[in-house]
Amino acid sequence: MKPPTMISPWEAVRRAAPGPRLRMHFHDTRNTGLANAFASVEAGVTVLDASCGGLGGCPFAPAATGNIATEDLVYMLSRAGSDTGYDLGGLSETGRWIGEQIGKPPVSALSRAGAFPV
């Protein structure tokens, strides 16, 4: 008897709903949001939610921190060779500005460390 063929969760979703584009949304509570976003892109997901500065949260998930930071996501994808079309400096500046407006500093890694020197 041949063992059953395992399919990935992505493939199962695509088989169940082949038409819609998959969209993913991650929080970075345990520092895994970017890894999950990267795995999603490798699996063919083309829409990822994020927020400048990593601000945000979740009212029904205990201890959930902010969303993955847009500037960190764009930085990671750019370093991996993707052309996102986003202005990384503008995103970082926007995250800092939003943080100033609400009195909360951005939690993005880029806001702390800056981009890697070219």
PDB file of N, CA and C in Angstrom:
ATOM      1  N   MET A   1       0.842  -1.171   0.000  1.00  0.00           N
ATOM      2  CA  MET A   1       0.000   0.000   0.000  1.00  0.00           C
ATOM      3  C   MET A   1       0.891   1.239   0.000  1.00  0.00           C
ATOM      4  N   LYS A   2       0.589   2.152  -0.868  1.00  0.00           N
ATOM      5  CA  LYS A   2       1.341   3.391  -0.998  1.00  0.00           C
ATOM      6  C   LYS A   2       0.875   4.382   0.078  1.00  0.00           C
ATOM      7  N   PRO A   3       1.843   5.062   0.773  1.00  0.00           N
ATOM      8  CA  PRO A   3       1.427   6.034   1.798  1.00  0.00           C
ATOM      9  C   PRO A   3       0.731   7.227   1.143  1.00  0.00           C
ATOM     10  N   PRO A   4      -0.156   7.872   1.893  1.00  0.00           N
ATOM     11  CA  PRO A   4      -0.862   9.026   1.320  1.00  0.00           C
ATOM     12  C   PRO A   4       0.116  10.158   1.007  1.00  0.00           C
ATOM     13  N   THR A   5      -0.170  10.879  -0.043  1.00  0.00           N
ATOM     14  CA  THR A   5       0.661  12.022  -0.415  1.00  0.00           C
ATOM     15  C   THR A   5       0.259  13.214   0.436  1.00  0.00           C
ATOM     16  N   MET A   6       1.254  13.827   1.063  1.00  0.00           N
ATOM     17  CA  MET A   6       0.999  15.002   1.887  1.00  0.00           C
ATOM     18  C   MET A   6       1.049  16.250   1.007  1.00  0.00           C
ATOM     19  N   ILE A   7       0.122  17.147   1.228  1.00  0.00           N
ATOM     20  CA  ILE A   7       0.163  18.420   0.517  1.00  0.00           C
ATOM     21  C   ILE A   7       0.331  19.531   1.549  1.00  0.00           C
ATOM     22  N   SER A   8       0.895  20.622   1.130  1.00  0.00           N
ATOM     23  CA  SER A   8       1.099  21.743   2.042  1.00  0.00           C
ATOM     24  C   SER A   8      -0.236  22.416   2.338  1.00  0.00           C
ATOM     25  N   PRO A   9      -0.297  23.156   3.444  1.00  0.00           N
ATOM     26  CA  PRO A   9      -1.525  23.916   3.721  1.00  0.00           C
ATOM     27  C   PRO A   9      -1.863  24.884   2.589  1.00  0.00           C
ATOM     28  N   TRP A  10      -0.830  25.485   1.971  1.00  0.00           N
ATOM     29  CA  TRP A  10      -1.058  26.407   0.852  1.00  0.00           C
ATOM     30  C   TRP A  10      -1.761  25.700  -0.291  1.00  0.00           C
ATOM     31  N   GLU A  11      -1.268  24.503  -0.609  1.00  0.00           N
ATOM     32  CA  GLU A  11      -1.853  23.747  -1.709  1.00  0.00           C
ATOM     33  C   GLU A  11      -3.295  23.353  -1.376  1.00  0.00           C
ATOM     34  N   ALA A  12      -3.550  23.012  -0.137  1.00  0.00           N
ATOM     35  CA  ALA A  12      -4.908  22.657   0.269  1.00  0.00           C
ATOM     36  C   ALA A  12      -5.852  23.850   0.101  1.00  0.00           C
ATOM     37  N   VAL A  13      -5.394  25.040   0.473  1.00  0.00           N
ATOM     38  CA  VAL A  13      -6.217  26.238   0.312  1.00  0.00           C
ATOM     39  C   VAL A  13      -6.443  26.515  -1.162  1.00  0.00           C
ATOM     40  N   ARG A  14      -5.389  26.407  -1.962  1.00  0.00           N
ATOM     41  CA  ARG A  14      -5.523  26.672  -3.399  1.00  0.00           C
ATOM     42  C   ARG A  14      -6.478  25.688  -4.068  1.00  0.00           C
ATOM     43  N   ARG A  15      -6.456  24.444  -3.624  1.00  0.00           N
ATOM     44  CA  ARG A  15      -7.382  23.458  -4.194  1.00  0.00           C
ATOM     45  C   ARG A  15      -8.817  23.768  -3.797  1.00  0.00           C
ATOM     46  N   ALA A  16      -9.006  24.219  -2.555  1.00  0.00           N
ATOM     47  CA  ALA A  16     -10.355  24.509  -2.074  1.00  0.00           C
ATOM     48  C   ALA A  16     -10.904  25.806  -2.663  1.00  0.00           C
ATOM     49  N   ALA A  17     -10.022  26.769  -2.908  1.00  0.00           N
ATOM     50  CA  ALA A  17     -10.451  28.078  -3.442  1.00  0.00           C
ATOM     51  C   ALA A  17      -9.426  28.534  -4.473  1.00  0.00           C
ATOM     52  N   PRO A  18      -9.485  27.979  -5.679  1.00  0.00           N
ATOM     53  CA  PRO A  18      -8.447  28.255  -6.673  1.00  0.00           C
ATOM     54  C   PRO A  18      -8.464  29.668  -7.252  1.00  0.00           C
ATOM     55  N   GLY A  19      -9.548  30.388  -7.139  1.00  0.00           N
ATOM     56  CA  GLY A  19      -9.648  31.692  -7.788  1.00  0.00           C
ATOM     57  C   GLY A  19      -9.021  32.861  -7.039  1.00  0.00           C
ATOM     58  N   PRO A  20      -9.344  33.064  -5.762  1.00  0.00           N
ATOM     59  CA  PRO A  20      -8.885  34.267  -5.063  1.00  0.00           C
ATOM     60  C   PRO A  20      -7.375  34.293  -4.841  1.00  0.00           C
ATOM     61  N   ARG A  21      -6.831  35.515  -4.838  1.00  0.00           N
ATOM     62  CA  ARG A  21      -5.423  35.680  -4.471  1.00  0.00           C
ATOM     63  C   ARG A  21      -5.303  35.482  -2.967  1.00  0.00           C
ATOM     64  N   LEU A  22      -4.268  34.781  -2.552  1.00  0.00           N
ATOM     65  CA  LEU A  22      -4.047  34.590  -1.120  1.00  0.00           C
ATOM     66  C   LEU A  22      -3.420  35.847  -0.533  1.00  0.00           C
ATOM     67  N   ARG A  23      -3.878  36.203   0.647  1.00  0.00           N
ATOM     68  CA  ARG A  23      -3.377  37.378   1.360  1.00  0.00           C
ATOM     69  C   ARG A  23      -3.025  36.929   2.769  1.00  0.00           C
ATOM     70  N   MET A  24      -1.881  37.379   3.268  1.00  0.00           N
ATOM     71  CA  MET A  24      -1.452  36.982   4.604  1.00  0.00           C
ATOM     72  C   MET A  24      -1.273  38.212   5.486  1.00  0.00           C
ATOM     73  N   HIS A  25      -1.475  38.000   6.775  1.00  0.00           N
ATOM     74  CA  HIS A  25      -1.372  39.063   7.776  1.00  0.00           C
ATOM     75  C   HIS A  25      -0.681  38.465   8.991  1.00  0.00           C
ATOM     76  N   PHE A  26       0.442  39.052   9.393  1.00  0.00           N
ATOM     77  CA  PHE A  26       1.204  38.508  10.523  1.00  0.00           C
ATOM     78  C   PHE A  26       1.502  39.576  11.554  1.00  0.00           C
ATOM     79  N   HIS A  27       1.445  39.175  12.805  1.00  0.00           N
ATOM     80  CA  HIS A  27       1.953  39.984  13.906  1.00  0.00           C
ATOM     81  C   HIS A  27       3.364  39.476  14.188  1.00  0.00           C
ATOM     82  N   ASP A  28       4.127  40.270  14.902  1.00  0.00           N
ATOM     83  CA  ASP A  28       5.510  39.873  15.167  1.00  0.00           C
ATOM     84  C   ASP A  28       5.737  39.616  16.650  1.00  0.00           C
ATOM     85  N   THR A  29       4.739  39.073  17.297  1.00  0.00           N
ATOM     86  CA  THR A  29       4.767  38.871  18.741  1.00  0.00           C
ATOM     87  C   THR A  29       5.979  38.068  19.198  1.00  0.00           C
ATOM     88  N   ARG A  30       6.322  37.038  18.496  1.00  0.00           N
ATOM     89  CA  ARG A  30       7.450  36.180  18.889  1.00  0.00           C
ATOM     90  C   ARG A  30       8.587  36.228  17.859  1.00  0.00           C
ATOM     91  N   ASN A  31       8.687  37.348  17.166  1.00  0.00           N
ATOM     92  CA  ASN A  31       9.743  37.574  16.165  1.00  0.00           C
ATOM     93  C   ASN A  31       9.735  36.542  15.047  1.00  0.00           C
ATOM     94  N   THR A  32       8.558  36.098  14.648  1.00  0.00           N
ATOM     95  CA  THR A  32       8.469  35.149  13.542  1.00  0.00           C
ATOM     96  C   THR A  32       7.669  35.702  12.365  1.00  0.00           C
ATOM     97  N   GLY A  33       7.186  36.921  12.488  1.00  0.00           N
ATOM     98  CA  GLY A  33       6.349  37.503  11.444  1.00  0.00           C
ATOM     99  C   GLY A  33       7.038  37.586  10.094  1.00  0.00           C
ATOM    100  N   LEU A  34       8.279  38.062  10.068  1.00  0.00           N
ATOM    101  CA  LEU A  34       8.995  38.182   8.797  1.00  0.00           C
ATOM    102  C   LEU A  34       9.309  36.816   8.196  1.00  0.00           C
ATOM    103  N   ALA A  35       9.656  35.853   9.042  1.00  0.00           N
ATOM    104  CA  ALA A  35       9.924  34.503   8.532  1.00  0.00           C
ATOM    105  C   ALA A  35       8.656  33.918   7.904  1.00  0.00           C
ATOM    106  N   ASN A  36       7.522  34.136   8.550  1.00  0.00           N
ATOM    107  CA  ASN A  36       6.259  33.657   7.992  1.00  0.00           C
ATOM    108  C   ASN A  36       5.927  34.375   6.689  1.00  0.00           C
ATOM    109  N   ALA A  37       6.202  35.672   6.635  1.00  0.00           N
ATOM    110  CA  ALA A  37       5.949  36.430   5.410  1.00  0.00           C
ATOM    111  C   ALA A  37       6.836  35.912   4.275  1.00  0.00           C
ATOM    112  N   PHE A  38       8.099  35.636   4.562  1.00  0.00           N
ATOM    113  CA  PHE A  38       9.011  35.143   3.533  1.00  0.00           C
ATOM    114  C   PHE A  38       8.564  33.770   3.032  1.00  0.00           C
ATOM    115  N   ALA A  39       8.180  32.896   3.955  1.00  0.00           N
ATOM    116  CA  ALA A  39       7.687  31.573   3.560  1.00  0.00           C
ATOM    117  C   ALA A  39       6.428  31.706   2.707  1.00  0.00           C
ATOM    118  N   SER A  40       5.589  32.680   3.019  1.00  0.00           N
ATOM    119  CA  SER A  40       4.379  32.910   2.237  1.00  0.00           C
ATOM    120  C   SER A  40       4.718  33.325   0.810  1.00  0.00           C
ATOM    121  N   VAL A  41       5.677  34.230   0.670  1.00  0.00           N
ATOM    122  CA  VAL A  41       6.100  34.667  -0.661  1.00  0.00           C
ATOM    123  C   VAL A  41       6.671  33.493  -1.442  1.00  0.00           C
ATOM    124  N   GLU A  42       7.484  32.671  -0.789  1.00  0.00           N
ATOM    125  CA  GLU A  42       8.039  31.485  -1.463  1.00  0.00           C
ATOM    126  C   GLU A  42       6.939  30.531  -1.912  1.00  0.00           C
ATOM    127  N   ALA A  43       5.812  30.529  -1.183  1.00  0.00           N
ATOM    128  CA  ALA A  43       4.692  29.651  -1.529  1.00  0.00           C
ATOM    129  C   ALA A  43       3.770  30.274  -2.570  1.00  0.00           C
ATOM    130  N   GLY A  44       4.081  31.515  -2.987  1.00  0.00           N
ATOM    131  CA  GLY A  44       3.292  32.135  -4.041  1.00  0.00           C
ATOM    132  C   GLY A  44       2.314  33.208  -3.606  1.00  0.00           C
ATOM    133  N   VAL A  45       2.290  33.537  -2.335  1.00  0.00           N
ATOM    134  CA  VAL A  45       1.409  34.608  -1.862  1.00  0.00           C
ATOM    135  C   VAL A  45       1.949  35.932  -2.391  1.00  0.00           C
ATOM    136  N   THR A  46       1.063  36.781  -2.909  1.00  0.00           N
ATOM    137  CA  THR A  46       1.500  38.049  -3.497  1.00  0.00           C
ATOM    138  C   THR A  46       0.994  39.277  -2.752  1.00  0.00           C
ATOM    139  N   VAL A  47       0.179  39.093  -1.718  1.00  0.00           N
ATOM    140  CA  VAL A  47      -0.319  40.220  -0.938  1.00  0.00           C
ATOM    141  C   VAL A  47      -0.014  39.963   0.531  1.00  0.00           C
ATOM    142  N   LEU A  48       0.738  40.895   1.137  1.00  0.00           N
ATOM    143  CA  LEU A  48       1.083  40.793   2.551  1.00  0.00           C
ATOM    144  C   LEU A  48       0.661  42.073   3.256  1.00  0.00           C
ATOM    145  N   ASP A  49       0.002  41.940   4.392  1.00  0.00           N
ATOM    146  CA  ASP A  49      -0.362  43.094   5.203  1.00  0.00           C
ATOM    147  C   ASP A  49       0.817  43.453   6.100  1.00  0.00           C
ATOM    148  N   ALA A  50       0.992  44.726   6.340  1.00  0.00           N
ATOM    149  CA  ALA A  50       2.031  45.216   7.239  1.00  0.00           C
ATOM    150  C   ALA A  50       1.634  46.627   7.665  1.00  0.00           C
ATOM    151  N   SER A  51       2.384  47.206   8.620  1.00  0.00           N
ATOM    152  CA  SER A  51       2.098  48.584   9.024  1.00  0.00           C
ATOM    153  C   SER A  51       3.406  49.323   9.269  1.00  0.00           C
ATOM    154  N   CYS A  52       3.446  50.572   8.825  1.00  0.00           N
ATOM    155  CA  CYS A  52       4.654  51.374   9.016  1.00  0.00           C
ATOM    156  C   CYS A  52       4.999  51.433  10.503  1.00  0.00           C
ATOM    157  N   GLY A  53       6.247  51.209  10.807  1.00  0.00           N
ATOM    158  CA  GLY A  53       6.698  51.242  12.192  1.00  0.00           C
ATOM    159  C   GLY A  53       6.369  49.990  12.972  1.00  0.00           C
ATOM    160  N   GLY A  54       5.614  49.072  12.378  1.00  0.00           N
ATOM    161  CA  GLY A  54       5.203  47.872  13.102  1.00  0.00           C
ATOM    162  C   GLY A  54       4.149  48.176  14.141  1.00  0.00           C
ATOM    163  N   LEU A  55       3.457  49.292  13.956  1.00  0.00           N
ATOM    164  CA  LEU A  55       2.444  49.693  14.931  1.00  0.00           C
ATOM    165  C   LEU A  55       1.158  48.914  14.703  1.00  0.00           C
ATOM    166  N   GLY A  56       0.353  48.876  15.699  1.00  0.00           N
ATOM    167  CA  GLY A  56      -0.903  48.144  15.610  1.00  0.00           C
ATOM    168  C   GLY A  56      -0.988  47.130  16.729  1.00  0.00           C
ATOM    169  N   GLY A  57      -1.827  46.186  16.576  1.00  0.00           N
ATOM    170  CA  GLY A  57      -2.009  45.172  17.590  1.00  0.00           C
ATOM    171  C   GLY A  57      -3.211  44.332  17.251  1.00  0.00           C
ATOM    172  N   CYS A  58      -3.708  43.623  18.235  1.00  0.00           N
ATOM    173  CA  CYS A  58      -4.851  42.761  18.005  1.00  0.00           C
ATOM    174  C   CYS A  58      -5.694  42.725  19.274  1.00  0.00           C
ATOM    175  N   PRO A  59      -6.936  43.168  19.212  1.00  0.00           N
ATOM    176  CA  PRO A  59      -7.752  43.251  20.417  1.00  0.00           C
ATOM    177  C   PRO A  59      -8.182  41.902  20.982  1.00  0.00           C
ATOM    178  N   PHE A  60      -8.090  40.817  20.197  1.00  0.00           N
ATOM    179  CA  PHE A  60      -8.569  39.533  20.705  1.00  0.00           C
ATOM    180  C   PHE A  60      -7.481  38.477  20.815  1.00  0.00           C
ATOM    181  N   ALA A  61      -6.218  38.818  20.557  1.00  0.00           N
ATOM    182  CA  ALA A  61      -5.114  37.868  20.733  1.00  0.00           C
ATOM    183  C   ALA A  61      -4.275  38.336  21.925  1.00  0.00           C
ATOM    184  N   PRO A  62      -4.284  37.575  23.009  1.00  0.00           N
ATOM    185  CA  PRO A  62      -3.561  37.995  24.208  1.00  0.00           C
ATOM    186  C   PRO A  62      -2.081  38.255  23.924  1.00  0.00           C
ATOM    187  N   ALA A  63      -1.592  39.379  24.390  1.00  0.00           N
ATOM    188  CA  ALA A  63      -0.183  39.782  24.294  1.00  0.00           C
ATOM    189  C   ALA A  63       0.305  40.003  22.864  1.00  0.00           C
ATOM    190  N   ALA A  64      -0.599  40.095  21.907  1.00  0.00           N
ATOM    191  CA  ALA A  64      -0.173  40.333  20.527  1.00  0.00           C
ATOM    192  C   ALA A  64       0.471  41.703  20.417  1.00  0.00           C
ATOM    193  N   THR A  65       1.601  41.723  19.782  1.00  0.00           N
ATOM    194  CA  THR A  65       2.272  42.999  19.547  1.00  0.00           C
ATOM    195  C   THR A  65       1.816  43.533  18.205  1.00  0.00           C
ATOM    196  N   GLY A  66       2.529  44.501  17.694  1.00  0.00           N
ATOM    197  CA  GLY A  66       2.144  45.118  16.436  1.00  0.00           C
ATOM    198  C   GLY A  66       2.270  44.192  15.248  1.00  0.00           C
ATOM    199  N   ASN A  67       1.808  44.695  14.132  1.00  0.00           N
ATOM    200  CA  ASN A  67       1.922  43.978  12.862  1.00  0.00           C
ATOM    201  C   ASN A  67       3.384  43.988  12.424  1.00  0.00           C
ATOM    202  N   ILE A  68       3.727  43.160  11.436  1.00  0.00           N
ATOM    203  CA  ILE A  68       5.082  43.259  10.925  1.00  0.00           C
ATOM    204  C   ILE A  68       5.246  44.649  10.327  1.00  0.00           C
ATOM    205  N   ALA A  69       6.426  45.207  10.489  1.00  0.00           N
ATOM    206  CA  ALA A  69       6.689  46.562  10.012  1.00  0.00           C
ATOM    207  C   ALA A  69       6.871  46.564   8.499  1.00  0.00           C
ATOM    208  N   THR A  70       6.177  47.468   7.840  1.00  0.00           N
ATOM    209  CA  THR A  70       6.263  47.562   6.384  1.00  0.00           C
ATOM    210  C   THR A  70       7.710  47.763   5.947  1.00  0.00           C
ATOM    211  N   GLU A  71       8.429  48.652   6.630  1.00  0.00           N
ATOM    212  CA  GLU A  71       9.801  48.915   6.217  1.00  0.00           C
ATOM    213  C   GLU A  71      10.705  47.695   6.407  1.00  0.00           C
ATOM    214  N   ASP A  72      10.483  46.901   7.448  1.00  0.00           N
ATOM    215  CA  ASP A  72      11.263  45.675   7.635  1.00  0.00           C
ATOM    216  C   ASP A  72      10.928  44.654   6.550  1.00  0.00           C
ATOM    217  N   LEU A  73       9.644  44.552   6.216  1.00  0.00           N
ATOM    218  CA  LEU A  73       9.210  43.628   5.169  1.00  0.00           C
ATOM    219  C   LEU A  73       9.814  44.014   3.818  1.00  0.00           C
ATOM    220  N   VAL A  74       9.726  45.293   3.467  1.00  0.00           N
ATOM    221  CA  VAL A  74      10.274  45.764   2.192  1.00  0.00           C
ATOM    222  C   VAL A  74      11.792  45.575   2.164  1.00  0.00           C
ATOM    223  N   TYR A  75      12.459  45.865   3.273  1.00  0.00           N
ATOM    224  CA  TYR A  75      13.908  45.684   3.354  1.00  0.00           C
ATOM    225  C   TYR A  75      14.274  44.218   3.110  1.00  0.00           C
ATOM    226  N   MET A  76      13.582  43.302   3.805  1.00  0.00           N
ATOM    227  CA  MET A  76      13.863  41.875   3.658  1.00  0.00           C
ATOM    228  C   MET A  76      13.640  41.421   2.221  1.00  0.00           C
ATOM    229  N   LEU A  77      12.519  41.793   1.638  1.00  0.00           N
ATOM    230  CA  LEU A  77      12.223  41.369   0.274  1.00  0.00           C
ATOM    231  C   LEU A  77      13.214  41.976  -0.723  1.00  0.00           C
ATOM    232  N   SER A  78      13.603  43.229  -0.501  1.00  0.00           N
ATOM    233  CA  SER A  78      14.588  43.868  -1.382  1.00  0.00           C
ATOM    234  C   SER A  78      15.929  43.168  -1.295  1.00  0.00           C
ATOM    235  N   ARG A  79      16.367  42.848  -0.092  1.00  0.00           N
ATOM    236  CA  ARG A  79      17.646  42.154   0.090  1.00  0.00           C
ATOM    237  C   ARG A  79      17.605  40.754  -0.525  1.00  0.00           C
ATOM    238  N   ALA A  80      16.412  40.186  -0.630  1.00  0.00           N
ATOM    239  CA  ALA A  80      16.259  38.861  -1.235  1.00  0.00           C
ATOM    240  C   ALA A  80      16.121  38.947  -2.753  1.00  0.00           C
ATOM    241  N   GLY A  81      16.148  40.179  -3.294  1.00  0.00           N
ATOM    242  CA  GLY A  81      16.131  40.333  -4.737  1.00  0.00           C
ATOM    243  C   GLY A  81      14.800  40.729  -5.349  1.00  0.00           C
ATOM    244  N   SER A  82      13.780  40.982  -4.522  1.00  0.00           N
ATOM    245  CA  SER A  82      12.474  41.389  -5.053  1.00  0.00           C
ATOM    246  C   SER A  82      12.437  42.892  -5.260  1.00  0.00           C
ATOM    247  N   ASP A  83      11.810  43.312  -6.335  1.00  0.00           N
ATOM    248  CA  ASP A  83      11.575  44.731  -6.573  1.00  0.00           C
ATOM    249  C   ASP A  83      10.169  45.027  -6.074  1.00  0.00           C
ATOM    250  N   THR A  84      10.078  45.638  -4.904  1.00  0.00           N
ATOM    251  CA  THR A  84       8.770  45.891  -4.297  1.00  0.00           C
ATOM    252  C   THR A  84       8.118  47.152  -4.834  1.00  0.00           C
ATOM    253  N   GLY A  85       8.918  48.084  -5.331  1.00  0.00           N
ATOM    254  CA  GLY A  85       8.384  49.349  -5.806  1.00  0.00           C
ATOM    255  C   GLY A  85       8.157  50.368  -4.693  1.00  0.00           C
ATOM    256  N   TYR A  86       8.494  50.021  -3.468  1.00  0.00           N
ATOM    257  CA  TYR A  86       8.304  50.939  -2.346  1.00  0.00           C
ATOM    258  C   TYR A  86       9.591  51.696  -2.041  1.00  0.00           C
ATOM    259  N   ASP A  87       9.444  52.914  -1.532  1.00  0.00           N
ATOM    260  CA  ASP A  87      10.554  53.758  -1.121  1.00  0.00           C
ATOM    261  C   ASP A  87      10.869  53.449   0.339  1.00  0.00           C
ATOM    262  N   LEU A  88      11.963  52.745   0.571  1.00  0.00           N
ATOM    263  CA  LEU A  88      12.315  52.304   1.917  1.00  0.00           C
ATOM    264  C   LEU A  88      12.540  53.490   2.857  1.00  0.00           C
ATOM    265  N   GLY A  89      13.222  54.526   2.382  1.00  0.00           N
ATOM    266  CA  GLY A  89      13.440  55.711   3.218  1.00  0.00           C
ATOM    267  C   GLY A  89      12.132  56.391   3.591  1.00  0.00           C
ATOM    268  N   GLY A  90      11.232  56.489   2.627  1.00  0.00           N
ATOM    269  CA  GLY A  90       9.932  57.094   2.891  1.00  0.00           C
ATOM    270  C   GLY A  90       9.113  56.288   3.887  1.00  0.00           C
ATOM    271  N   LEU A  91       9.185  54.979   3.778  1.00  0.00           N
ATOM    272  CA  LEU A  91       8.461  54.125   4.731  1.00  0.00           C
ATOM    273  C   LEU A  91       9.009  54.300   6.146  1.00  0.00           C
ATOM    274  N   SER A  92      10.336  54.335   6.269  1.00  0.00           N
ATOM    275  CA  SER A  92      10.952  54.512   7.587  1.00  0.00           C
ATOM    276  C   SER A  92      10.583  55.863   8.178  1.00  0.00           C
ATOM    277  N   GLU A  93      10.621  56.890   7.348  1.00  0.00           N
ATOM    278  CA  GLU A  93      10.251  58.230   7.798  1.00  0.00           C
ATOM    279  C   GLU A  93       8.788  58.271   8.239  1.00  0.00           C
ATOM    280  N   THR A  94       7.926  57.609   7.496  1.00  0.00           N
ATOM    281  CA  THR A  94       6.501  57.555   7.852  1.00  0.00           C
ATOM    282  C   THR A  94       6.299  56.846   9.181  1.00  0.00           C
ATOM    283  N   GLY A  95       7.003  55.732   9.398  1.00  0.00           N
ATOM    284  CA  GLY A  95       6.902  55.014  10.669  1.00  0.00           C
ATOM    285  C   GLY A  95       7.320  55.877  11.845  1.00  0.00           C
ATOM    286  N   ARG A  96       8.415  56.639  11.676  1.00  0.00           N
ATOM    287  CA  ARG A  96       8.861  57.547  12.743  1.00  0.00           C
ATOM    288  C   ARG A  96       7.824  58.649  12.984  1.00  0.00           C
ATOM    289  N   TRP A  97       7.285  59.205  11.900  1.00  0.00           N
ATOM    290  CA  TRP A  97       6.292  60.275  12.022  1.00  0.00           C
ATOM    291  C   TRP A  97       5.039  59.783  12.751  1.00  0.00           C
ATOM    292  N   ILE A  98       4.552  58.617  12.360  1.00  0.00           N
ATOM    293  CA  ILE A  98       3.361  58.072  13.021  1.00  0.00           C
ATOM    294  C   ILE A  98       3.649  57.863  14.501  1.00  0.00           C
ATOM    295  N   GLY A  99       4.820  57.319  14.810  1.00  0.00           N
ATOM    296  CA  GLY A  99       5.192  57.112  16.206  1.00  0.00           C
ATOM    297  C   GLY A  99       5.185  58.402  17.001  1.00  0.00           C
ATOM    298  N   GLU A 100       5.707  59.470  16.405  1.00  0.00           N
ATOM    299  CA  GLU A 100       5.699  60.774  17.077  1.00  0.00           C
ATOM    300  C   GLU A 100       4.271  61.258  17.314  1.00  0.00           C
ATOM    301  N   GLN A 101       3.402  61.040  16.348  1.00  0.00           N
ATOM    302  CA  GLN A 101       2.018  61.519  16.467  1.00  0.00           C
ATOM    303  C   GLN A 101       1.261  60.810  17.582  1.00  0.00           C
ATOM    304  N   ILE A 102       1.554  59.537  17.787  1.00  0.00           N
ATOM    305  CA  ILE A 102       0.809  58.782  18.806  1.00  0.00           C
ATOM    306  C   ILE A 102       1.603  58.577  20.098  1.00  0.00           C
ATOM    307  N   GLY A 103       2.816  59.116  20.130  1.00  0.00           N
ATOM    308  CA  GLY A 103       3.629  59.000  21.339  1.00  0.00           C
ATOM    309  C   GLY A 103       4.165  57.603  21.596  1.00  0.00           C
ATOM    310  N   LYS A 104       4.390  56.854  20.531  1.00  0.00           N
ATOM    311  CA  LYS A 104       4.922  55.492  20.670  1.00  0.00           C
ATOM    312  C   LYS A 104       5.986  55.296  19.596  1.00  0.00           C
ATOM    313  N   PRO A 105       7.204  54.983  20.006  1.00  0.00           N
ATOM    314  CA  PRO A 105       8.243  54.813  18.985  1.00  0.00           C
ATOM    315  C   PRO A 105       7.978  53.585  18.122  1.00  0.00           C
ATOM    316  N   PRO A 106       8.391  53.644  16.852  1.00  0.00           N
ATOM    317  CA  PRO A 106       8.201  52.476  15.991  1.00  0.00           C
ATOM    318  C   PRO A 106       9.024  51.296  16.511  1.00  0.00           C
ATOM    319  N   VAL A 107       8.522  50.106  16.295  1.00  0.00           N
ATOM    320  CA  VAL A 107       9.218  48.903  16.768  1.00  0.00           C
ATOM    321  C   VAL A 107       9.988  48.206  15.647  1.00  0.00           C
ATOM    322  N   SER A 108      10.016  48.801  14.484  1.00  0.00           N
ATOM    323  CA  SER A 108      10.701  48.159  13.367  1.00  0.00           C
ATOM    324  C   SER A 108      12.204  48.076  13.626  1.00  0.00           C
ATOM    325  N   ALA A 109      12.810  47.010  13.127  1.00  0.00           N
ATOM    326  CA  ALA A 109      14.261  46.851  13.247  1.00  0.00           C
ATOM    327  C   ALA A 109      14.982  47.945  12.478  1.00  0.00           C
ATOM    328  N   LEU A 110      14.434  48.339  11.350  1.00  0.00           N
ATOM    329  CA  LEU A 110      15.056  49.386  10.542  1.00  0.00           C
ATOM    330  C   LEU A 110      15.094  50.714  11.287  1.00  0.00           C
ATOM    331  N   SER A 111      14.096  50.990  12.115  1.00  0.00           N
ATOM    332  CA  SER A 111      14.092  52.244  12.871  1.00  0.00           C
ATOM    333  C   SER A 111      15.201  52.251  13.912  1.00  0.00           C
ATOM    334  N   ARG A 112      15.610  51.082  14.373  1.00  0.00           N
ATOM    335  CA  ARG A 112      16.678  50.974  15.356  1.00  0.00           C
ATOM    336  C   ARG A 112      18.054  50.910  14.715  1.00  0.00           C
ATOM    337  N   ALA A 113      18.193  50.114  13.663  1.00  0.00           N
ATOM    338  CA  ALA A 113      19.514  49.826  13.110  1.00  0.00           C
ATOM    339  C   ALA A 113      19.810  50.504  11.792  1.00  0.00           C
ATOM    340  N   GLY A 114      18.785  50.935  11.085  1.00  0.00           N
ATOM    341  CA  GLY A 114      19.001  51.478   9.748  1.00  0.00           C
ATOM    342  C   GLY A 114      19.248  50.363   8.747  1.00  0.00           C
ATOM    343  N   ALA A 115      19.358  50.742   7.491  1.00  0.00           N
ATOM    344  CA  ALA A 115      19.593  49.759   6.423  1.00  0.00           C
ATOM    345  C   ALA A 115      21.057  49.347   6.424  1.00  0.00           C
ATOM    346  N   PHE A 116      21.313  48.152   5.928  1.00  0.00           N
ATOM    347  CA  PHE A 116      22.679  47.652   5.820  1.00  0.00           C
ATOM    348  C   PHE A 116      23.423  48.475   4.786  1.00  0.00           C
ATOM    349  N   PRO A 117      24.640  48.903   5.100  1.00  0.00           N
ATOM    350  CA  PRO A 117      25.393  49.705   4.119  1.00  0.00           C
ATOM    351  C   PRO A 117      25.589  48.952   2.811  1.00  0.00           C
ATOM    352  N   VAL A 118      25.465  49.684   1.723  1.00  0.00           N
ATOM    353  CA  VAL A 118      25.634  49.071   0.393  1.00  0.00           C
ATOM    354  C   VAL A 118      27.091  49.088   0.023  1.00  0.00           C
TER     355      VAL A 118
END
